[in-house]
PDB file of N, CA and C in Angstrom:
ATOM      1  N   MET A   1      13.483  17.241 -23.909  1.00  0.00           N
ATOM      2  CA  MET A   1      13.652  16.679 -22.589  1.00  0.00           C
ATOM      3  C   MET A   1      12.553  17.215 -21.679  1.00  0.00           C
ATOM      4  N   ILE A   2      11.980  16.341 -20.908  1.00  0.00           N
ATOM      5  CA  ILE A   2      10.937  16.736 -19.966  1.00  0.00           C
ATOM      6  C   ILE A   2      11.601  17.112 -18.647  1.00  0.00           C
ATOM      7  N   ARG A   3      11.389  18.338 -18.213  1.00  0.00           N
ATOM      8  CA  ARG A   3      11.970  18.813 -16.954  1.00  0.00           C
ATOM      9  C   ARG A   3      11.042  18.449 -15.803  1.00  0.00           C
ATOM     10  N   ILE A   4      11.597  17.843 -14.763  1.00  0.00           N
ATOM     11  CA  ILE A   4      10.820  17.483 -13.581  1.00  0.00           C
ATOM     12  C   ILE A   4      11.485  18.110 -12.363  1.00  0.00           C
ATOM     13  N   GLU A   5      10.734  18.961 -11.673  1.00  0.00           N
ATOM     14  CA  GLU A   5      11.253  19.653 -10.493  1.00  0.00           C
ATOM     15  C   GLU A   5      10.818  19.009  -9.186  1.00  0.00           C
ATOM     16  N   ALA A   6       9.701  18.288  -9.192  1.00  0.00           N
ATOM     17  CA  ALA A   6       9.201  17.633  -7.977  1.00  0.00           C
ATOM     18  C   ALA A   6       8.514  16.330  -8.360  1.00  0.00           C
ATOM     19  N   ILE A   7       8.629  15.341  -7.487  1.00  0.00           N
ATOM     20  CA  ILE A   7       8.022  14.029  -7.712  1.00  0.00           C
ATOM     21  C   ILE A   7       7.104  13.731  -6.537  1.00  0.00           C
ATOM     22  N   TRP A   8       5.861  13.367  -6.843  1.00  0.00           N
ATOM     23  CA  TRP A   8       4.851  13.101  -5.820  1.00  0.00           C
ATOM     24  C   TRP A   8       4.300  11.699  -5.994  1.00  0.00           C
ATOM     25  N   LEU A   9       4.106  11.019  -4.892  1.00  0.00           N
ATOM     26  CA  LEU A   9       3.589   9.655  -4.877  1.00  0.00           C
ATOM     27  C   LEU A   9       2.195   9.659  -4.271  1.00  0.00           C
ATOM     28  N   ALA A  10       1.212   9.138  -4.997  1.00  0.00           N
ATOM     29  CA  ALA A  10      -0.146   8.998  -4.462  1.00  0.00           C
ATOM     30  C   ALA A  10      -0.248   7.657  -3.752  1.00  0.00           C
ATOM     31  N   VAL A  11      -0.716   7.664  -2.526  1.00  0.00           N
ATOM     32  CA  VAL A  11      -0.765   6.452  -1.710  1.00  0.00           C
ATOM     33  C   VAL A  11      -1.863   5.496  -2.182  1.00  0.00           C
ATOM     34  N   GLU A  12      -3.037   6.016  -2.528  1.00  0.00           N
ATOM     35  CA  GLU A  12      -4.153   5.172  -2.963  1.00  0.00           C
ATOM     36  C   GLU A  12      -3.886   4.604  -4.354  1.00  0.00           C
ATOM     37  N   PRO A  13      -4.246   3.332  -4.596  1.00  0.00           N
ATOM     38  CA  PRO A  13      -4.012   2.727  -5.916  1.00  0.00           C
ATOM     39  C   PRO A  13      -4.890   3.350  -7.002  1.00  0.00           C
ATOM     40  N   LEU A  14      -4.422   3.230  -8.233  1.00  0.00           N
ATOM     41  CA  LEU A  14      -5.136   3.737  -9.407  1.00  0.00           C
ATOM     42  C   LEU A  14      -5.414   2.563 -10.335  1.00  0.00           C
ATOM     43  N   ASP A  15      -6.599   2.519 -10.915  1.00  0.00           N
ATOM     44  CA  ASP A  15      -6.930   1.510 -11.915  1.00  0.00           C
ATOM     45  C   ASP A  15      -6.034   1.766 -13.125  1.00  0.00           C
ATOM     46  N   MET A  16      -5.247   0.787 -13.525  1.00  0.00           N
ATOM     47  CA  MET A  16      -4.282   0.985 -14.600  1.00  0.00           C
ATOM     48  C   MET A  16      -4.925   1.102 -15.972  1.00  0.00           C
ATOM     49  N   ARG A  17      -6.223   0.904 -16.067  1.00  0.00           N
ATOM     50  CA  ARG A  17      -6.923   1.169 -17.327  1.00  0.00           C
ATOM     51  C   ARG A  17      -7.133   2.665 -17.521  1.00  0.00           C
ATOM     52  N   ALA A  18      -6.877   3.443 -16.492  1.00  0.00           N
ATOM     53  CA  ALA A  18      -7.078   4.896 -16.551  1.00  0.00           C
ATOM     54  C   ALA A  18      -6.175   5.516 -17.611  1.00  0.00           C
ATOM     55  N   GLY A  19      -6.771   6.367 -18.412  1.00  0.00           N
ATOM     56  CA  GLY A  19      -6.014   7.100 -19.413  1.00  0.00           C
ATOM     57  C   GLY A  19      -5.578   8.452 -18.872  1.00  0.00           C
ATOM     58  N   THR A  20      -5.185   9.316 -19.773  1.00  0.00           N
ATOM     59  CA  THR A  20      -4.676  10.627 -19.390  1.00  0.00           C
ATOM     60  C   THR A  20      -5.704  11.443 -18.613  1.00  0.00           C
ATOM     61  N   GLU A  21      -6.945  11.468 -19.088  1.00  0.00           N
ATOM     62  CA  GLU A  21      -7.975  12.284 -18.427  1.00  0.00           C
ATOM     63  C   GLU A  21      -8.292  11.772 -17.027  1.00  0.00           C
ATOM     64  N   ALA A  22      -8.426  10.450 -16.872  1.00  0.00           N
ATOM     65  CA  ALA A  22      -8.732   9.880 -15.551  1.00  0.00           C
ATOM     66  C   ALA A  22      -7.560  10.072 -14.592  1.00  0.00           C
ATOM     67  N   ALA A  23      -6.340   9.895 -15.082  1.00  0.00           N
ATOM     68  CA  ALA A  23      -5.162  10.100 -14.227  1.00  0.00           C
ATOM     69  C   ALA A  23      -5.040  11.569 -13.829  1.00  0.00           C
ATOM     70  N   LEU A  24      -5.310  12.470 -14.760  1.00  0.00           N
ATOM     71  CA  LEU A  24      -5.270  13.901 -14.447  1.00  0.00           C
ATOM     72  C   LEU A  24      -6.349  14.263 -13.424  1.00  0.00           C
ATOM     73  N   ALA A  25      -7.532  13.677 -13.556  1.00  0.00           N
ATOM     74  CA  ALA A  25      -8.598  13.923 -12.576  1.00  0.00           C
ATOM     75  C   ALA A  25      -8.180  13.436 -11.196  1.00  0.00           C
ATOM     76  N   ARG A  26      -7.479  12.306 -11.126  1.00  0.00           N
ATOM     77  CA  ARG A  26      -7.006  11.793  -9.829  1.00  0.00           C
ATOM     78  C   ARG A  26      -5.955  12.727  -9.250  1.00  0.00           C
ATOM     79  N   VAL A  27      -5.062  13.249 -10.092  1.00  0.00           N
ATOM     80  CA  VAL A  27      -4.047  14.199  -9.621  1.00  0.00           C
ATOM     81  C   VAL A  27      -4.727  15.419  -9.003  1.00  0.00           C
ATOM     82  N   VAL A  28      -5.713  15.966  -9.689  1.00  0.00           N
ATOM     83  CA  VAL A  28      -6.419  17.143  -9.173  1.00  0.00           C
ATOM     84  C   VAL A  28      -7.133  16.806  -7.869  1.00  0.00           C
ATOM     85  N   HIS A  29      -7.719  15.613  -7.784  1.00  0.00           N
ATOM     86  CA  HIS A  29      -8.429  15.207  -6.565  1.00  0.00           C
ATOM     87  C   HIS A  29      -7.475  15.040  -5.381  1.00  0.00           C
ATOM     88  N   VAL A  30      -6.343  14.379  -5.600  1.00  0.00           N
ATOM     89  CA  VAL A  30      -5.404  14.073  -4.509  1.00  0.00           C
ATOM     90  C   VAL A  30      -4.506  15.259  -4.175  1.00  0.00           C
ATOM     91  N   PHE A  31      -3.986  15.939  -5.199  1.00  0.00           N
ATOM     92  CA  PHE A  31      -2.972  16.973  -4.991  1.00  0.00           C
ATOM     93  C   PHE A  31      -3.507  18.399  -5.106  1.00  0.00           C
ATOM     94  N   GLY A  32      -4.750  18.558  -5.527  1.00  0.00           N
ATOM     95  CA  GLY A  32      -5.328  19.890  -5.655  1.00  0.00           C
ATOM     96  C   GLY A  32      -5.202  20.476  -7.043  1.00  0.00           C
ATOM     97  N   SER A  33      -4.079  20.225  -7.717  1.00  0.00           N
ATOM     98  CA  SER A  33      -3.869  20.690  -9.086  1.00  0.00           C
ATOM     99  C   SER A  33      -2.658  19.966  -9.658  1.00  0.00           C
ATOM    100  N   ALA A  34      -2.545  20.008 -10.977  1.00  0.00           N
ATOM    101  CA  ALA A  34      -1.364  19.459 -11.645  1.00  0.00           C
ATOM    102  C   ALA A  34      -0.428  20.630 -11.925  1.00  0.00           C
ATOM    103  N   ARG A  35       0.668  20.687 -11.224  1.00  0.00           N
ATOM    104  CA  ARG A  35       1.600  21.811 -11.359  1.00  0.00           C
ATOM    105  C   ARG A  35       2.606  21.545 -12.483  1.00  0.00           C
ATOM    106  N   PRO A  36       2.996  22.590 -13.197  1.00  0.00           N
ATOM    107  CA  PRO A  36       3.988  22.415 -14.258  1.00  0.00           C
ATOM    108  C   PRO A  36       5.302  21.854 -13.718  1.00  0.00           C
ATOM    109  N   HIS A  37       5.865  20.928 -14.453  1.00  0.00           N
ATOM    110  CA  HIS A  37       7.159  20.307 -14.161  1.00  0.00           C
ATOM    111  C   HIS A  37       7.138  19.466 -12.887  1.00  0.00           C
ATOM    112  N   HIS A  38       5.972  18.948 -12.535  1.00  0.00           N
ATOM    113  CA  HIS A  38       5.831  18.016 -11.424  1.00  0.00           C
ATOM    114  C   HIS A  38       5.407  16.661 -11.987  1.00  0.00           C
ATOM    115  N   ALA A  39       5.897  15.587 -11.378  1.00  0.00           N
ATOM    116  CA  ALA A  39       5.534  14.224 -11.761  1.00  0.00           C
ATOM    117  C   ALA A  39       4.693  13.617 -10.647  1.00  0.00           C
ATOM    118  N   TYR A  40       3.658  12.892 -11.036  1.00  0.00           N
ATOM    119  CA  TYR A  40       2.735  12.276 -10.081  1.00  0.00           C
ATOM    120  C   TYR A  40       2.701  10.774 -10.341  1.00  0.00           C
ATOM    121  N   LEU A  41       3.020   9.980  -9.312  1.00  0.00           N
ATOM    122  CA  LEU A  41       3.123   8.526  -9.447  1.00  0.00           C
ATOM    123  C   LEU A  41       1.934   7.820  -8.819  1.00  0.00           C
ATOM    124  N   PHE A  42       1.485   6.755  -9.505  1.00  0.00           N
ATOM    125  CA  PHE A  42       0.389   5.919  -9.025  1.00  0.00           C
ATOM    126  C   PHE A  42       0.752   4.463  -9.274  1.00  0.00           C
ATOM    127  N   ALA A  43       0.302   3.577  -8.403  1.00  0.00           N
ATOM    128  CA  ALA A  43       0.470   2.133  -8.605  1.00  0.00           C
ATOM    129  C   ALA A  43      -0.912   1.487  -8.593  1.00  0.00           C
ATOM    130  N   ASN A  44      -0.971   0.254  -9.098  1.00  0.00           N
ATOM    131  CA  ASN A  44      -2.209  -0.510  -8.984  1.00  0.00           C
ATOM    132  C   ASN A  44      -2.247  -1.208  -7.627  1.00  0.00           C
ATOM    133  N   ARG A  45      -3.325  -1.928  -7.343  1.00  0.00           N
ATOM    134  CA  ARG A  45      -3.477  -2.586  -6.033  1.00  0.00           C
ATOM    135  C   ARG A  45      -2.385  -3.607  -5.750  1.00  0.00           C
ATOM    136  N   ARG A  46      -1.966  -4.352  -6.761  1.00  0.00           N
ATOM    137  CA  ARG A  46      -0.918  -5.361  -6.566  1.00  0.00           C
ATOM    138  C   ARG A  46       0.483  -4.763  -6.561  1.00  0.00           C
ATOM    139  N   ALA A  47       0.594  -3.487  -6.893  1.00  0.00           N
ATOM    140  CA  ALA A  47       1.874  -2.759  -6.916  1.00  0.00           C
ATOM    141  C   ALA A  47       2.883  -3.377  -7.872  1.00  0.00           C
ATOM    142  N   ASN A  48       2.406  -3.975  -8.970  1.00  0.00           N
ATOM    143  CA  ASN A  48       3.325  -4.465  -9.991  1.00  0.00           C
ATOM    144  C   ASN A  48       3.276  -3.597 -11.254  1.00  0.00           C
ATOM    145  N   ARG A  49       2.427  -2.591 -11.234  1.00  0.00           N
ATOM    146  CA  ARG A  49       2.341  -1.623 -12.332  1.00  0.00           C
ATOM    147  C   ARG A  49       2.378  -0.211 -11.753  1.00  0.00           C
ATOM    148  N   LEU A  50       2.985   0.683 -12.525  1.00  0.00           N
ATOM    149  CA  LEU A  50       3.186   2.055 -12.086  1.00  0.00           C
ATOM    150  C   LEU A  50       2.840   2.979 -13.244  1.00  0.00           C
ATOM    151  N   LYS A  51       2.147   4.073 -12.956  1.00  0.00           N
ATOM    152  CA  LYS A  51       1.902   5.112 -13.958  1.00  0.00           C
ATOM    153  C   LYS A  51       2.419   6.422 -13.412  1.00  0.00           C
ATOM    154  N   VAL A  52       2.976   7.220 -14.303  1.00  0.00           N
ATOM    155  CA  VAL A  52       3.460   8.543 -13.928  1.00  0.00           C
ATOM    156  C   VAL A  52       2.859   9.559 -14.898  1.00  0.00           C
ATOM    157  N   LEU A  53       2.282  10.609 -14.328  1.00  0.00           N
ATOM    158  CA  LEU A  53       1.733  11.701 -15.107  1.00  0.00           C
ATOM    159  C   LEU A  53       2.618  12.917 -14.865  1.00  0.00           C
ATOM    160  N   VAL A  54       3.048  13.555 -15.944  1.00  0.00           N
ATOM    161  CA  VAL A  54       3.913  14.733 -15.853  1.00  0.00           C
ATOM    162  C   VAL A  54       3.253  15.880 -16.609  1.00  0.00           C
ATOM    163  N   HIS A  55       3.156  17.023 -15.953  1.00  0.00           N
ATOM    164  CA  HIS A  55       2.681  18.254 -16.588  1.00  0.00           C
ATOM    165  C   HIS A  55       3.937  19.007 -17.018  1.00  0.00           C
ATOM    166  N   ASP A  56       4.114  19.188 -18.341  1.00  0.00           N
ATOM    167  CA  ASP A  56       5.336  19.826 -18.836  1.00  0.00           C
ATOM    168  C   ASP A  56       5.199  21.331 -19.041  1.00  0.00           C
ATOM    169  N   GLY A  57       4.089  21.913 -18.604  1.00  0.00           N
ATOM    170  CA  GLY A  57       3.869  23.343 -18.768  1.00  0.00           C
ATOM    171  C   GLY A  57       2.966  23.657 -19.942  1.00  0.00           C
ATOM    172  N   ILE A  58       2.853  22.735 -20.889  1.00  0.00           N
ATOM    173  CA  ILE A  58       1.998  22.916 -22.064  1.00  0.00           C
ATOM    174  C   ILE A  58       0.885  21.873 -22.084  1.00  0.00           C
ATOM    175  N   GLY A  59       1.240  20.647 -21.768  1.00  0.00           N
ATOM    176  CA  GLY A  59       0.297  19.530 -21.765  1.00  0.00           C
ATOM    177  C   GLY A  59       0.736  18.504 -20.743  1.00  0.00           C
ATOM    178  N   VAL A  60       0.170  17.311 -20.844  1.00  0.00           N
ATOM    179  CA  VAL A  60       0.525  16.255 -19.900  1.00  0.00           C
ATOM    180  C   VAL A  60       1.053  15.030 -20.638  1.00  0.00           C
ATOM    181  N   TRP A  61       1.939  14.306 -19.965  1.00  0.00           N
ATOM    182  CA  TRP A  61       2.501  13.046 -20.430  1.00  0.00           C
ATOM    183  C   TRP A  61       2.058  11.968 -19.458  1.00  0.00           C
ATOM    184  N   LEU A  62       1.751  10.789 -19.975  1.00  0.00           N
ATOM    185  CA  LEU A  62       1.391   9.658 -19.130  1.00  0.00           C
ATOM    186  C   LEU A  62       2.218   8.464 -19.577  1.00  0.00           C
ATOM    187  N   ALA A  63       2.970   7.901 -18.655  1.00  0.00           N
ATOM    188  CA  ALA A  63       3.822   6.746 -18.958  1.00  0.00           C
ATOM    189  C   ALA A  63       3.499   5.626 -17.980  1.00  0.00           C
ATOM    190  N   ALA A  64       3.768   4.397 -18.403  1.00  0.00           N
ATOM    191  CA  ALA A  64       3.491   3.231 -17.557  1.00  0.00           C
ATOM    192  C   ALA A  64       4.726   2.342 -17.491  1.00  0.00           C
ATOM    193  N   ARG A  65       4.862   1.636 -16.368  1.00  0.00           N
ATOM    194  CA  ARG A  65       5.934   0.657 -16.176  1.00  0.00           C
ATOM    195  C   ARG A  65       5.307  -0.561 -15.518  1.00  0.00           C
ATOM    196  N   ARG A  66       5.712  -1.745 -15.992  1.00  0.00           N
ATOM    197  CA  ARG A  66       5.193  -2.997 -15.448  1.00  0.00           C
ATOM    198  C   ARG A  66       6.356  -3.884 -15.056  1.00  0.00           C
ATOM    199  N   LEU A  67       6.260  -4.490 -13.883  1.00  0.00           N
ATOM    200  CA  LEU A  67       7.264  -5.454 -13.442  1.00  0.00           C
ATOM    201  C   LEU A  67       6.784  -6.853 -13.805  1.00  0.00           C
ATOM    202  N   ASN A  68       7.650  -7.649 -14.413  1.00  0.00           N
ATOM    203  CA  ASN A  68       7.302  -9.034 -14.726  1.00  0.00           C
ATOM    204  C   ASN A  68       7.350  -9.904 -13.481  1.00  0.00           C
ATOM    205  N   GLN A  69       8.203  -9.548 -12.536  1.00  0.00           N
ATOM    206  CA  GLN A  69       8.314 -10.262 -11.268  1.00  0.00           C
ATOM    207  C   GLN A  69       8.428  -9.247 -10.149  1.00  0.00           C
ATOM    208  N   GLY A  70       7.912  -9.603  -8.988  1.00  0.00           N
ATOM    209  CA  GLY A  70       8.044  -8.738  -7.821  1.00  0.00           C
ATOM    210  C   GLY A  70       7.043  -7.603  -7.817  1.00  0.00           C
ATOM    211  N   ARG A  71       7.274  -6.676  -6.895  1.00  0.00           N
ATOM    212  CA  ARG A  71       6.374  -5.549  -6.690  1.00  0.00           C
ATOM    213  C   ARG A  71       7.178  -4.286  -6.434  1.00  0.00           C
ATOM    214  N   PHE A  72       6.548  -3.154  -6.710  1.00  0.00           N
ATOM    215  CA  PHE A  72       7.131  -1.887  -6.305  1.00  0.00           C
ATOM    216  C   PHE A  72       6.940  -1.752  -4.799  1.00  0.00           C
ATOM    217  N   VAL A  73       7.933  -1.203  -4.118  1.00  0.00           N
ATOM    218  CA  VAL A  73       7.814  -0.960  -2.684  1.00  0.00           C
ATOM    219  C   VAL A  73       6.981   0.305  -2.529  1.00  0.00           C
ATOM    220  N   TRP A  74       5.767   0.155  -1.992  1.00  0.00           N
ATOM    221  CA  TRP A  74       4.835   1.270  -1.891  1.00  0.00           C
ATOM    222  C   TRP A  74       4.679   1.672  -0.442  1.00  0.00           C
ATOM    223  N   THR A  75       4.166   2.828  -0.196  1.00  0.00           N
ATOM    224  CA  THR A  75       4.000   3.333   1.164  1.00  0.00           C
ATOM    225  C   THR A  75       2.580   3.106   1.669  1.00  0.00           C
ATOM    226  N   ASN A  76       2.445   2.962   2.963  1.00  0.00           N
ATOM    227  CA  ASN A  76       1.134   2.836   3.599  1.00  0.00           C
ATOM    228  C   ASN A  76       0.892   3.983   4.570  1.00  0.00           C
ATOM    229  N   GLU A  77       1.569   5.095   4.369  1.00  0.00           N
ATOM    230  CA  GLU A  77       1.433   6.239   5.272  1.00  0.00           C
ATOM    231  C   GLU A  77       0.009   6.770   5.254  1.00  0.00           C
ATOM    232  N   GLY A  78      -0.375   7.449   6.320  1.00  0.00           N
ATOM    233  CA  GLY A  78      -1.724   7.984   6.441  1.00  0.00           C
ATOM    234  C   GLY A  78      -2.017   9.142   5.503  1.00  0.00           C
ATOM    235  N   ALA A  79      -1.007   9.879   5.075  1.00  0.00           N
ATOM    236  CA  ALA A  79      -1.211  11.013   4.176  1.00  0.00           C
ATOM    237  C   ALA A  79      -1.596  10.501   2.783  1.00  0.00           C
ATOM    238  N   PRO A  80      -2.419  11.259   2.030  1.00  0.00           N
ATOM    239  CA  PRO A  80      -2.818  10.812   0.694  1.00  0.00           C
ATOM    240  C   PRO A  80      -1.699  10.898  -0.339  1.00  0.00           C
ATOM    241  N   SER A  81      -0.625  11.642  -0.016  1.00  0.00           N
ATOM    242  CA  SER A  81       0.488  11.777  -0.955  1.00  0.00           C
ATOM    243  C   SER A  81       1.799  11.941  -0.201  1.00  0.00           C
ATOM    244  N   VAL A  82       2.896  11.622  -0.902  1.00  0.00           N
ATOM    245  CA  VAL A  82       4.235  11.705  -0.323  1.00  0.00           C
ATOM    246  C   VAL A  82       5.155  12.313  -1.375  1.00  0.00           C
ATOM    247  N   GLY A  83       6.009  13.252  -0.973  1.00  0.00           N
ATOM    248  CA  GLY A  83       7.005  13.815  -1.877  1.00  0.00           C
ATOM    249  C   GLY A  83       8.237  12.927  -1.916  1.00  0.00           C
ATOM    250  N   LEU A  84       8.836  12.768  -3.096  1.00  0.00           N
ATOM    251  CA  LEU A  84      10.027  11.940  -3.264  1.00  0.00           C
ATOM    252  C   LEU A  84      11.185  12.766  -3.791  1.00  0.00           C
ATOM    253  N   THR A  85      12.392  12.386  -3.411  1.00  0.00           N
ATOM    254  CA  THR A  85      13.586  12.956  -4.024  1.00  0.00           C
ATOM    255  C   THR A  85      13.892  12.151  -5.284  1.00  0.00           C
ATOM    256  N   ARG A  86      14.809  12.644  -6.091  1.00  0.00           N
ATOM    257  CA  ARG A  86      15.194  11.913  -7.301  1.00  0.00           C
ATOM    258  C   ARG A  86      15.800  10.558  -6.941  1.00  0.00           C
ATOM    259  N   ALA A  87      16.621  10.501  -5.888  1.00  0.00           N
ATOM    260  CA  ALA A  87      17.226   9.234  -5.458  1.00  0.00           C
ATOM    261  C   ALA A  87      16.152   8.248  -5.005  1.00  0.00           C
ATOM    262  N   GLN A  88      15.137   8.731  -4.295  1.00  0.00           N
ATOM    263  CA  GLN A  88      14.044   7.861  -3.865  1.00  0.00           C
ATOM    264  C   GLN A  88      13.246   7.355  -5.065  1.00  0.00           C
ATOM    265  N   PHE A  89      13.000   8.220  -6.053  1.00  0.00           N
ATOM    266  CA  PHE A  89      12.304   7.807  -7.269  1.00  0.00           C
ATOM    267  C   PHE A  89      13.087   6.719  -7.990  1.00  0.00           C
ATOM    268  N   ASP A  90      14.394   6.913  -8.133  1.00  0.00           N
ATOM    269  CA  ASP A  90      15.232   5.908  -8.790  1.00  0.00           C
ATOM    270  C   ASP A  90      15.154   4.571  -8.066  1.00  0.00           C
ATOM    271  N   GLY A  91      15.170   4.602  -6.738  1.00  0.00           N
ATOM    272  CA  GLY A  91      15.040   3.375  -5.959  1.00  0.00           C
ATOM    273  C   GLY A  91      13.678   2.731  -6.132  1.00  0.00           C
ATOM    274  N   LEU A  92      12.632   3.540  -6.164  1.00  0.00           N
ATOM    275  CA  LEU A  92      11.273   3.028  -6.319  1.00  0.00           C
ATOM    276  C   LEU A  92      11.111   2.260  -7.620  1.00  0.00           C
ATOM    277  N   VAL A  93      11.531   2.848  -8.747  1.00  0.00           N
ATOM    278  CA  VAL A  93      11.326   2.183 -10.037  1.00  0.00           C
ATOM    279  C   VAL A  93      12.193   0.940 -10.196  1.00  0.00           C
ATOM    280  N   LEU A  94      13.237   0.814  -9.381  1.00  0.00           N
ATOM    281  CA  LEU A  94      14.054  -0.399  -9.393  1.00  0.00           C
ATOM    282  C   LEU A  94      13.546  -1.456  -8.421  1.00  0.00           C
ATOM    283  N   GLY A  95      12.530  -1.110  -7.623  1.00  0.00           N
ATOM    284  CA  GLY A  95      11.985  -2.052  -6.659  1.00  0.00           C
ATOM    285  C   GLY A  95      12.732  -2.080  -5.343  1.00  0.00           C
ATOM    286  N   LEU A  96      13.527  -1.063  -5.067  1.00  0.00           N
ATOM    287  CA  LEU A  96      14.303  -0.993  -3.829  1.00  0.00           C
ATOM    288  C   LEU A  96      13.486  -0.334  -2.715  1.00  0.00           C
ATOM    289  N   PRO A  97      13.888  -0.510  -1.448  1.00  0.00           N
ATOM    290  CA  PRO A  97      13.185   0.145  -0.338  1.00  0.00           C
ATOM    291  C   PRO A  97      13.503   1.641  -0.305  1.00  0.00           C
ATOM    292  N   TRP A  98      12.850   2.402  -1.157  1.00  0.00           N
ATOM    293  CA  TRP A  98      13.156   3.815  -1.368  1.00  0.00           C
ATOM    294  C   TRP A  98      12.925   4.666  -0.129  1.00  0.00           C
ATOM    295  N   GLN A  99      12.076   4.213   0.818  1.00  0.00           N
ATOM    296  CA  GLN A  99      11.804   5.009   2.015  1.00  0.00           C
ATOM    297  C   GLN A  99      13.054   5.187   2.862  1.00  0.00           C
ATOM    298  N   ARG A 100      14.033   4.314   2.697  1.00  0.00           N
ATOM    299  CA  ARG A 100      15.264   4.382   3.489  1.00  0.00           C
ATOM    300  C   ARG A 100      16.320   5.286   2.869  1.00  0.00           C
ATOM    301  N   ILE A 101      16.082   5.758   1.659  1.00  0.00           N
ATOM    302  CA  ILE A 101      17.075   6.576   0.965  1.00  0.00           C
ATOM    303  C   ILE A 101      16.812   8.043   1.263  1.00  0.00           C
ATOM    304  N   GLY A 102      17.820   8.740   1.790  1.00  0.00           N
ATOM    305  CA  GLY A 102      17.697  10.159   2.114  1.00  0.00           C
ATOM    306  C   GLY A 102      18.373  11.009   1.059  1.00  0.00           C
ATOM    307  N   GLU A 103      18.704  12.216   1.420  1.00  0.00           N
ATOM    308  CA  GLU A 103      19.388  13.134   0.512  1.00  0.00           C
ATOM    309  C   GLU A 103      20.731  12.554   0.093  1.00  0.00           C
ATOM    310  N   ALA A 104      21.096  12.765  -1.140  1.00  0.00           N
ATOM    311  CA  ALA A 104      22.376  12.326  -1.716  1.00  0.00           C
ATOM    312  C   ALA A 104      22.546  10.813  -1.640  1.00  0.00           C
ATOM    313  N   GLY A 105      21.436  10.067  -1.619  1.00  0.00           N
ATOM    314  CA  GLY A 105      21.515   8.615  -1.622  1.00  0.00           C
ATOM    315  C   GLY A 105      21.936   7.994  -0.310  1.00  0.00           C
ATOM    316  N   VAL A 106      21.967   8.765   0.761  1.00  0.00           N
ATOM    317  CA  VAL A 106      22.388   8.266   2.070  1.00  0.00           C
ATOM    318  C   VAL A 106      21.238   7.497   2.709  1.00  0.00           C
ATOM    319  N   ILE A 107      21.528   6.313   3.232  1.00  0.00           N
ATOM    320  CA  ILE A 107      20.508   5.537   3.929  1.00  0.00           C
ATOM    321  C   ILE A 107      20.312   6.151   5.304  1.00  0.00           C
ATOM    322  N   SER A 108      19.072   6.544   5.603  1.00  0.00           N
ATOM    323  CA  SER A 108      18.825   7.274   6.844  1.00  0.00           C
ATOM    324  C   SER A 108      18.017   6.491   7.875  1.00  0.00           C
ATOM    325  N   ILE A 109      17.380   5.387   7.477  1.00  0.00           N
ATOM    326  CA  ILE A 109      16.581   4.584   8.400  1.00  0.00           C
ATOM    327  C   ILE A 109      17.036   3.138   8.287  1.00  0.00           C
ATOM    328  N   LEU A 110      17.255   2.499   9.419  1.00  0.00           N
ATOM    329  CA  LEU A 110      17.648   1.086   9.399  1.00  0.00           C
ATOM    330  C   LEU A 110      16.510   0.190   9.781  1.00  0.00           C
TER     331      LEU A 110
END
């Protein structure tokens, strides 16, 4: 089982042709370093594809998800990265407005 203690979202899109090395280089560029047990999320420009890079303490994992219809709800905040809770991550991968989900799944913004 891969343990994940923190989830980070990169605001700038990533070319989905990027492999492990290119995604890891982007993590280091945006976040400063790839920390053990942290997950880093990237989307493409159309926001219909998502990649997640996880550092498990020994190596890195890279996974991809593609939506056949619709788009992932992505952020346009000025910061280069955003921290997510597990509930927000679950909402994001389902295509829900994850920015409205607070702690314990409570909707905090209307």
